Amino acid sequence: MDYERTVQLYEKAGQIKKWEDTPEYHSRKGELDWYDKVKSKRSGDFWQAQDLINRQLVDPEWEAPHKDKDGKPLEYPVKYVNSIIRIRAADGSKWLKSRQQWWGLDEAGNPINQTMDDKEVFDDVLMIYTLKPENPKARDSKMIREVTGVTSRIKYTLPFTKENAEKLWNMRNGNCSLVIKDESGGGDKSPRSVESFEQFASTLFSELWDLMTTPKWKLDRSYKDQLNDTQYG
């Protein structure tokens, strides 16, 4: 989740204390601890391999743990995508989100990783109000609104396009699962895995969903029926 954007909405609503009661608050603390380890307290920038070498914080024989194909150290944070989810939201709009692993260096040159899931999503904060008299003792007291609770709804930020899917796909480092999820309508709509990236990125959602949710034996039977129709028609 995009915790920073979510926190900003709680702050804007003047309900930061209610944010501290959410499970996401504790998840964000884990991220903040990671940032604290992999960023310079002086500059606020991520530690880079050359920074550590220049400041003699690592041994002369130390090598950066993440390099490109030419052996050059990668720029931190290094971000790897291990899962891409294509979503049809309740209103029919199409989106992408991802599960990622980020790597940084601490000032001793140790690689430290952090799971970064669904950064393309934030909680759209909605306040629940009630009306109460400003002066309960006055007959015609002015009515004021008071927050009695907080609710939220998921908002997506990365629209589905083939180009956006390719950008995430190019960030993979080894295996990367592809999943489609349908949040529209009702009924049991468990997420489905897709094997082919080209199919995942290029097929219309409705067609891809039908393909992934149709039992394989039905597809086989349909194919055989087509053959029979061709042979004997």
C-alpha atoms as a PDB file:
ATOM      1  CA  MET A   1       0.000   0.000   0.000  1.00  0.00           C
ATOM      2  CA  ASP A   2       1.044   3.583  -0.604  1.00  0.00           C
ATOM      3  CA  TYR A   3       1.232   4.443   3.093  1.00  0.00           C
ATOM      4  CA  GLU A   4       2.491   7.966   2.536  1.00  0.00           C
ATOM      5  CA  ARG A   5      -0.553   8.971   0.527  1.00  0.00           C
ATOM      6  CA  THR A   6      -2.857   7.257   3.010  1.00  0.00           C
ATOM      7  CA  VAL A   7      -1.264   9.072   5.963  1.00  0.00           C
ATOM      8  CA  GLN A   8      -1.633  12.405   4.174  1.00  0.00           C
ATOM      9  CA  LEU A   9      -5.379  11.822   3.866  1.00  0.00           C
ATOM     10  CA  TYR A  10      -5.715  11.022   7.581  1.00  0.00           C
ATOM     11  CA  GLU A  11      -3.721  14.156   8.409  1.00  0.00           C
ATOM     12  CA  LYS A  12      -5.839  16.287   6.086  1.00  0.00           C
ATOM     13  CA  ALA A  13      -8.968  15.000   7.834  1.00  0.00           C
ATOM     14  CA  GLY A  14      -7.426  15.712  11.254  1.00  0.00           C
ATOM     15  CA  GLN A  15      -7.726  12.045  12.194  1.00  0.00           C
ATOM     16  CA  ILE A  16      -4.118  10.919  12.491  1.00  0.00           C
ATOM     17  CA  LYS A  17      -4.855   9.184  15.811  1.00  0.00           C
ATOM     18  CA  LYS A  18      -7.336   6.918  14.066  1.00  0.00           C
ATOM     19  CA  TRP A  19      -4.626   5.988  11.536  1.00  0.00           C
ATOM     20  CA  GLU A  20      -2.518   4.719  14.449  1.00  0.00           C
ATOM     21  CA  ASP A  21      -5.280   2.221  15.272  1.00  0.00           C
ATOM     22  CA  THR A  22      -5.107   0.552  11.845  1.00  0.00           C
ATOM     23  CA  PRO A  23      -3.081  -2.582  10.961  1.00  0.00           C
ATOM     24  CA  GLU A  24      -1.441  -0.594   8.164  1.00  0.00           C
ATOM     25  CA  TYR A  25       0.118   1.737  10.733  1.00  0.00           C
ATOM     26  CA  HIS A  26       2.292  -1.105  12.067  1.00  0.00           C
ATOM     27  CA  SER A  27       3.189  -2.288   8.566  1.00  0.00           C
ATOM     28  CA  ARG A  28       4.379   1.202   7.731  1.00  0.00           C
ATOM     29  CA  LYS A  29       6.610   1.193  10.806  1.00  0.00           C
ATOM     30  CA  GLY A  30       8.466  -1.778   9.324  1.00  0.00           C
ATOM     31  CA  GLU A  31       9.077   0.192   6.144  1.00  0.00           C
ATOM     32  CA  LEU A  32      10.250   3.245   8.078  1.00  0.00           C
ATOM     33  CA  ASP A  33      12.716   1.093  10.018  1.00  0.00           C
ATOM     34  CA  TRP A  34      14.088  -0.196   6.713  1.00  0.00           C
ATOM     35  CA  TYR A  35      14.446   3.319   5.305  1.00  0.00           C
ATOM     36  CA  ASP A  36      16.276   4.342   8.454  1.00  0.00           C
ATOM     37  CA  LYS A  37      18.864   1.604   7.885  1.00  0.00           C
ATOM     38  CA  VAL A  38      19.474   2.121   4.174  1.00  0.00           C
ATOM     39  CA  LYS A  39      19.527   5.932   4.030  1.00  0.00           C
ATOM     40  CA  SER A  40      22.177   8.361   5.176  1.00  0.00           C
ATOM     41  CA  LYS A  41      20.992  10.251   8.240  1.00  0.00           C
ATOM     42  CA  ARG A  42      22.995  13.239   7.071  1.00  0.00           C
ATOM     43  CA  SER A  43      21.694  13.561   3.507  1.00  0.00           C
ATOM     44  CA  GLY A  44      18.554  11.430   3.579  1.00  0.00           C
ATOM     45  CA  ASP A  45      19.699   9.682   0.396  1.00  0.00           C
ATOM     46  CA  PHE A  46      19.992   5.951  -0.112  1.00  0.00           C
ATOM     47  CA  TRP A  47      23.460   4.594   0.518  1.00  0.00           C
ATOM     48  CA  GLN A  48      25.200   3.824  -2.777  1.00  0.00           C
ATOM     49  CA  ALA A  49      28.107   1.440  -3.237  1.00  0.00           C
ATOM     50  CA  GLN A  50      30.479   4.230  -4.236  1.00  0.00           C
ATOM     51  CA  ASP A  51      29.471   6.293  -1.184  1.00  0.00           C
ATOM     52  CA  LEU A  52      30.582   3.492   1.122  1.00  0.00           C
ATOM     53  CA  ILE A  53      33.842   3.021  -0.772  1.00  0.00           C
ATOM     54  CA  ASN A  54      34.630   6.743  -0.821  1.00  0.00           C
ATOM     55  CA  ARG A  55      33.991   7.079   2.904  1.00  0.00           C
ATOM     56  CA  GLN A  56      35.993   3.912   3.643  1.00  0.00           C
ATOM     57  CA  LEU A  57      33.042   2.372   5.442  1.00  0.00           C
ATOM     58  CA  VAL A  58      33.698  -0.993   3.764  1.00  0.00           C
ATOM     59  CA  ASP A  59      36.801  -3.119   3.303  1.00  0.00           C
ATOM     60  CA  PRO A  60      38.922  -2.480   0.189  1.00  0.00           C
ATOM     61  CA  GLU A  61      37.955  -5.879  -1.234  1.00  0.00           C
ATOM     62  CA  TRP A  62      34.223  -5.305  -0.699  1.00  0.00           C
ATOM     63  CA  GLU A  63      32.039  -5.564  -3.788  1.00  0.00           C
ATOM     64  CA  ALA A  64      28.522  -4.290  -4.329  1.00  0.00           C
ATOM     65  CA  PRO A  65      26.012  -7.164  -3.992  1.00  0.00           C
ATOM     66  CA  HIS A  66      23.885  -5.993  -6.935  1.00  0.00           C
ATOM     67  CA  LYS A  67      25.492  -5.361 -10.314  1.00  0.00           C
ATOM     68  CA  ASP A  68      24.405  -4.980 -13.917  1.00  0.00           C
ATOM     69  CA  LYS A  69      25.556  -7.244 -16.741  1.00  0.00           C
ATOM     70  CA  ASP A  70      28.751  -5.185 -17.094  1.00  0.00           C
ATOM     71  CA  GLY A  71      29.632  -5.553 -13.431  1.00  0.00           C
ATOM     72  CA  LYS A  72      28.695  -1.979 -12.537  1.00  0.00           C
ATOM     73  CA  PRO A  73      26.911  -1.501  -9.168  1.00  0.00           C
ATOM     74  CA  LEU A  74      23.181  -0.890  -9.487  1.00  0.00           C
ATOM     75  CA  GLU A  75      21.633   2.241  -8.047  1.00  0.00           C
ATOM     76  CA  TYR A  76      19.835   1.683  -4.750  1.00  0.00           C
ATOM     77  CA  PRO A  77      17.120   0.993  -3.933  1.00  0.00           C
ATOM     78  CA  VAL A  78      17.127  -2.001  -6.254  1.00  0.00           C
ATOM     79  CA  LYS A  79      13.524  -2.983  -6.983  1.00  0.00           C
ATOM     80  CA  TYR A  80      12.423  -6.428  -8.159  1.00  0.00           C
ATOM     81  CA  VAL A  81       8.856  -7.329  -9.075  1.00  0.00           C
ATOM     82  CA  ASN A  82       7.793 -10.864  -8.160  1.00  0.00           C
ATOM     83  CA  SER A  83       4.056 -10.640  -8.845  1.00  0.00           C
ATOM     84  CA  ILE A  84       1.796  -8.549 -11.087  1.00  0.00           C
ATOM     85  CA  ILE A  85      -1.957  -8.407 -10.519  1.00  0.00           C
ATOM     86  CA  ARG A  86      -4.357  -7.197 -13.193  1.00  0.00           C
ATOM     87  CA  ILE A  87      -7.647  -6.020 -11.721  1.00  0.00           C
ATOM     88  CA  ARG A  88     -11.137  -5.258 -12.934  1.00  0.00           C
ATOM     89  CA  ALA A  89     -12.538  -3.020 -10.189  1.00  0.00           C
ATOM     90  CA  ALA A  90     -16.148  -2.947  -9.010  1.00  0.00           C
ATOM     91  CA  ASP A  91     -16.929  -0.075 -11.378  1.00  0.00           C
ATOM     92  CA  GLY A  92     -15.436  -1.934 -14.349  1.00  0.00           C
ATOM     93  CA  SER A  93     -12.230   0.110 -14.547  1.00  0.00           C
ATOM     94  CA  LYS A  94      -8.955  -1.771 -15.126  1.00  0.00           C
ATOM     95  CA  TRP A  95      -5.848  -1.461 -12.972  1.00  0.00           C
ATOM     96  CA  LEU A  96      -2.484  -2.968 -12.110  1.00  0.00           C
ATOM     97  CA  LYS A  97      -0.731  -3.537  -8.822  1.00  0.00           C
ATOM     98  CA  SER A  98       2.397  -5.451  -7.923  1.00  0.00           C
ATOM     99  CA  ARG A  99       4.308  -7.227  -5.195  1.00  0.00           C
ATOM    100  CA  GLN A 100       7.925  -6.132  -5.006  1.00  0.00           C
ATOM    101  CA  GLN A 101      11.144  -6.757  -3.125  1.00  0.00           C
ATOM    102  CA  TRP A 102      13.365  -3.733  -2.552  1.00  0.00           C
ATOM    103  CA  TRP A 103      17.040  -3.899  -1.629  1.00  0.00           C
ATOM    104  CA  GLY A 104      19.188  -1.280   0.014  1.00  0.00           C
ATOM    105  CA  LEU A 105      22.608  -1.093   1.660  1.00  0.00           C
ATOM    106  CA  ASP A 106      23.270  -0.171   5.248  1.00  0.00           C
ATOM    107  CA  GLU A 107      26.333   1.902   6.014  1.00  0.00           C
ATOM    108  CA  ALA A 108      28.391  -1.251   6.603  1.00  0.00           C
ATOM    109  CA  GLY A 109      27.620  -2.480   3.081  1.00  0.00           C
ATOM    110  CA  ASN A 110      25.142  -5.167   4.105  1.00  0.00           C
ATOM    111  CA  PRO A 111      22.251  -5.745   1.678  1.00  0.00           C
ATOM    112  CA  ILE A 112      18.884  -5.401   3.433  1.00  0.00           C
ATOM    113  CA  ASN A 113      15.597  -6.200   1.754  1.00  0.00           C
ATOM    114  CA  GLN A 114      12.046  -5.076   2.376  1.00  0.00           C
ATOM    115  CA  THR A 115       8.773  -6.346   0.954  1.00  0.00           C
ATOM    116  CA  MET A 116       6.866  -3.582  -0.798  1.00  0.00           C
ATOM    117  CA  ASP A 117       3.388  -4.740  -1.740  1.00  0.00           C
ATOM    118  CA  ASP A 118       0.618  -2.908  -3.570  1.00  0.00           C
ATOM    119  CA  LYS A 119       2.343   0.463  -3.826  1.00  0.00           C
ATOM    120  CA  GLU A 120      -0.163   1.233  -6.589  1.00  0.00           C
ATOM    121  CA  VAL A 121      -2.971   1.297  -4.001  1.00  0.00           C
ATOM    122  CA  PHE A 122      -3.959   3.663  -1.194  1.00  0.00           C
ATOM    123  CA  ASP A 123      -6.802   3.976   1.313  1.00  0.00           C
ATOM    124  CA  ASP A 124      -9.211   6.742   0.407  1.00  0.00           C
ATOM    125  CA  VAL A 125     -10.230   7.896   3.862  1.00  0.00           C
ATOM    126  CA  LEU A 126     -13.901   8.642   4.523  1.00  0.00           C
ATOM    127  CA  MET A 127     -15.103  10.223   7.730  1.00  0.00           C
ATOM    128  CA  ILE A 128     -18.365   9.146   9.392  1.00  0.00           C
ATOM    129  CA  TYR A 129     -20.172  12.111  10.945  1.00  0.00           C
ATOM    130  CA  THR A 130     -23.060  12.717  13.275  1.00  0.00           C
ATOM    131  CA  LEU A 131     -24.880  15.965  14.018  1.00  0.00           C
ATOM    132  CA  LYS A 132     -25.020  17.277  17.582  1.00  0.00           C
ATOM    133  CA  PRO A 133     -26.130  20.594  19.108  1.00  0.00           C
ATOM    134  CA  GLU A 134     -23.289  22.994  19.782  1.00  0.00           C
ATOM    135  CA  ASN A 135     -25.038  23.943  23.037  1.00  0.00           C
ATOM    136  CA  PRO A 136     -27.215  21.049  24.261  1.00  0.00           C
ATOM    137  CA  LYS A 137     -28.993  23.321  26.753  1.00  0.00           C
ATOM    138  CA  ALA A 138     -30.187  25.779  24.122  1.00  0.00           C
ATOM    139  CA  ARG A 139     -33.474  25.005  22.375  1.00  0.00           C
ATOM    140  CA  ASP A 140     -32.375  26.258  18.947  1.00  0.00           C
ATOM    141  CA  SER A 141     -28.677  25.541  19.230  1.00  0.00           C
ATOM    142  CA  LYS A 142     -26.585  25.458  16.088  1.00  0.00           C
ATOM    143  CA  MET A 143     -25.951  21.894  14.889  1.00  0.00           C
ATOM    144  CA  ILE A 144     -22.355  20.883  14.327  1.00  0.00           C
ATOM    145  CA  ARG A 145     -20.808  17.841  12.697  1.00  0.00           C
ATOM    146  CA  GLU A 146     -18.674  15.523  14.765  1.00  0.00           C
ATOM    147  CA  VAL A 147     -16.557  12.615  13.541  1.00  0.00           C
ATOM    148  CA  THR A 148     -17.756   9.351  15.039  1.00  0.00           C
ATOM    149  CA  GLY A 149     -15.694   6.959  12.968  1.00  0.00           C
ATOM    150  CA  VAL A 150     -13.449   6.430   9.985  1.00  0.00           C
ATOM    151  CA  THR A 151     -13.892   4.115   7.069  1.00  0.00           C
ATOM    152  CA  SER A 152     -11.920   3.761   3.865  1.00  0.00           C
ATOM    153  CA  ARG A 153     -12.082   2.366   0.371  1.00  0.00           C
ATOM    154  CA  ILE A 154      -9.324   1.053  -1.839  1.00  0.00           C
ATOM    155  CA  LYS A 155      -8.237   3.358  -4.635  1.00  0.00           C
ATOM    156  CA  TYR A 156      -5.927   2.266  -7.445  1.00  0.00           C
ATOM    157  CA  THR A 157      -3.377   4.556  -9.076  1.00  0.00           C
ATOM    158  CA  LEU A 158      -1.780   2.567 -11.939  1.00  0.00           C
ATOM    159  CA  PRO A 159      -4.176   2.117 -14.889  1.00  0.00           C
ATOM    160  CA  PHE A 160      -3.904  -1.094 -16.855  1.00  0.00           C
ATOM    161  CA  THR A 161      -2.130  -0.627 -20.153  1.00  0.00           C
ATOM    162  CA  LYS A 162       0.178  -2.987 -21.957  1.00  0.00           C
ATOM    163  CA  GLU A 163       2.984  -0.447 -21.520  1.00  0.00           C
ATOM    164  CA  ASN A 164       2.488  -0.276 -17.746  1.00  0.00           C
ATOM    165  CA  ALA A 165       2.381  -4.064 -17.536  1.00  0.00           C
ATOM    166  CA  GLU A 166       5.621  -4.297 -19.523  1.00  0.00           C
ATOM    167  CA  LYS A 167       7.365  -1.826 -17.219  1.00  0.00           C
ATOM    168  CA  LEU A 168       6.555  -4.007 -14.229  1.00  0.00           C
ATOM    169  CA  TRP A 169       7.426  -7.200 -16.123  1.00  0.00           C
ATOM    170  CA  ASN A 170      10.853  -5.788 -16.994  1.00  0.00           C
ATOM    171  CA  MET A 171      11.554  -5.314 -13.279  1.00  0.00           C
ATOM    172  CA  ARG A 172      11.362  -9.029 -12.545  1.00  0.00           C
ATOM    173  CA  ASN A 173      14.381 -10.955 -11.307  1.00  0.00           C
ATOM    174  CA  GLY A 174      13.599 -14.585 -11.941  1.00  0.00           C
ATOM    175  CA  ASN A 175      10.096 -15.894 -11.392  1.00  0.00           C
ATOM    176  CA  CYS A 176       7.215 -13.430 -11.554  1.00  0.00           C
ATOM    177  CA  SER A 177       3.647 -14.617 -11.092  1.00  0.00           C
ATOM    178  CA  LEU A 178       0.821 -13.145 -13.163  1.00  0.00           C
ATOM    179  CA  VAL A 179      -2.629 -12.937 -11.620  1.00  0.00           C
ATOM    180  CA  ILE A 180      -6.005 -11.575 -12.693  1.00  0.00           C
ATOM    181  CA  LYS A 181      -8.621 -10.505 -10.179  1.00  0.00           C
ATOM    182  CA  ASP A 182     -12.239  -9.565 -10.861  1.00  0.00           C
ATOM    183  CA  GLU A 183     -13.876  -7.349  -8.240  1.00  0.00           C
ATOM    184  CA  SER A 184     -16.939  -6.541 -10.339  1.00  0.00           C
ATOM    185  CA  GLY A 185     -20.321  -8.202  -9.922  1.00  0.00           C
ATOM    186  CA  GLY A 186     -20.951 -10.886  -7.341  1.00  0.00           C
ATOM    187  CA  GLY A 187     -20.323 -14.558  -6.762  1.00  0.00           C
ATOM    188  CA  ASP A 188     -17.099 -16.459  -6.179  1.00  0.00           C
ATOM    189  CA  LYS A 189     -14.368 -14.727  -8.136  1.00  0.00           C
ATOM    190  CA  SER A 190     -11.125 -16.016  -6.727  1.00  0.00           C
ATOM    191  CA  PRO A 191      -7.976 -14.653  -8.411  1.00  0.00           C
ATOM    192  CA  ARG A 192      -6.642 -16.741 -11.296  1.00  0.00           C
ATOM    193  CA  SER A 193      -3.073 -17.340 -12.445  1.00  0.00           C
ATOM    194  CA  VAL A 194      -1.992 -16.672 -16.001  1.00  0.00           C
ATOM    195  CA  GLU A 195       1.024 -18.428 -17.495  1.00  0.00           C
ATOM    196  CA  SER A 196       1.773 -16.272 -20.539  1.00  0.00           C
ATOM    197  CA  PHE A 197       2.774 -12.616 -20.203  1.00  0.00           C
ATOM    198  CA  GLU A 198       1.666 -11.853 -23.756  1.00  0.00           C
ATOM    199  CA  GLN A 199      -1.747 -13.291 -22.958  1.00  0.00           C
ATOM    200  CA  PHE A 200      -1.828 -11.406 -19.648  1.00  0.00           C
ATOM    201  CA  ALA A 201      -0.935  -8.059 -21.211  1.00  0.00           C
ATOM    202  CA  SER A 202      -2.681  -8.224 -24.582  1.00  0.00           C
ATOM    203  CA  THR A 203      -5.989 -10.051 -24.080  1.00  0.00           C
ATOM    204  CA  LEU A 204      -9.175  -8.176 -23.184  1.00  0.00           C
ATOM    205  CA  PHE A 205      -9.976  -8.697 -19.518  1.00  0.00           C
ATOM    206  CA  SER A 206     -13.380 -10.295 -20.143  1.00  0.00           C
ATOM    207  CA  GLU A 207     -11.886 -12.738 -22.633  1.00  0.00           C
ATOM    208  CA  LEU A 208      -8.952 -13.555 -20.395  1.00  0.00           C
ATOM    209  CA  TRP A 209     -11.205 -14.058 -17.381  1.00  0.00           C
ATOM    210  CA  ASP A 210     -13.496 -16.385 -19.307  1.00  0.00           C
ATOM    211  CA  LEU A 211     -10.496 -18.335 -20.534  1.00  0.00           C
ATOM    212  CA  MET A 212      -8.992 -18.680 -17.066  1.00  0.00           C
ATOM    213  CA  THR A 213     -12.281 -19.622 -15.374  1.00  0.00           C
ATOM    214  CA  THR A 214     -13.520 -22.155 -17.936  1.00  0.00           C
ATOM    215  CA  PRO A 215     -12.678 -25.705 -16.826  1.00  0.00           C
ATOM    216  CA  LYS A 216     -10.004 -27.200 -19.053  1.00  0.00           C
ATOM    217  CA  TRP A 217     -12.084 -30.248 -19.936  1.00  0.00           C
ATOM    218  CA  LYS A 218     -14.751 -27.952 -21.421  1.00  0.00           C
ATOM    219  CA  LEU A 219     -12.139 -26.241 -23.560  1.00  0.00           C
ATOM    220  CA  ASP A 220     -10.845 -29.632 -24.710  1.00  0.00           C
ATOM    221  CA  ARG A 221     -14.367 -30.839 -25.487  1.00  0.00           C
ATOM    222  CA  SER A 222     -15.117 -27.657 -27.439  1.00  0.00           C
ATOM    223  CA  TYR A 223     -11.938 -28.107 -29.445  1.00  0.00           C
ATOM    224  CA  LYS A 224     -12.815 -31.716 -30.236  1.00  0.00           C
ATOM    225  CA  ASP A 225     -16.338 -30.706 -31.254  1.00  0.00           C
ATOM    226  CA  GLN A 226     -14.852 -28.190 -33.679  1.00  0.00           C
ATOM    227  CA  LEU A 227     -12.690 -30.925 -35.171  1.00  0.00           C
ATOM    228  CA  ASN A 228     -15.659 -33.239 -35.516  1.00  0.00           C
ATOM    229  CA  ASP A 229     -17.710 -30.515 -37.170  1.00  0.00           C
ATOM    230  CA  THR A 230     -14.893 -29.909 -39.608  1.00  0.00           C
ATOM    231  CA  GLN A 231     -14.429 -33.604 -40.370  1.00  0.00           C
ATOM    232  CA  TYR A 232     -18.023 -34.590 -40.802  1.00  0.00           C
ATOM    233  CA  GLY A 233     -19.762 -31.318 -41.614  1.00  0.00           C
END
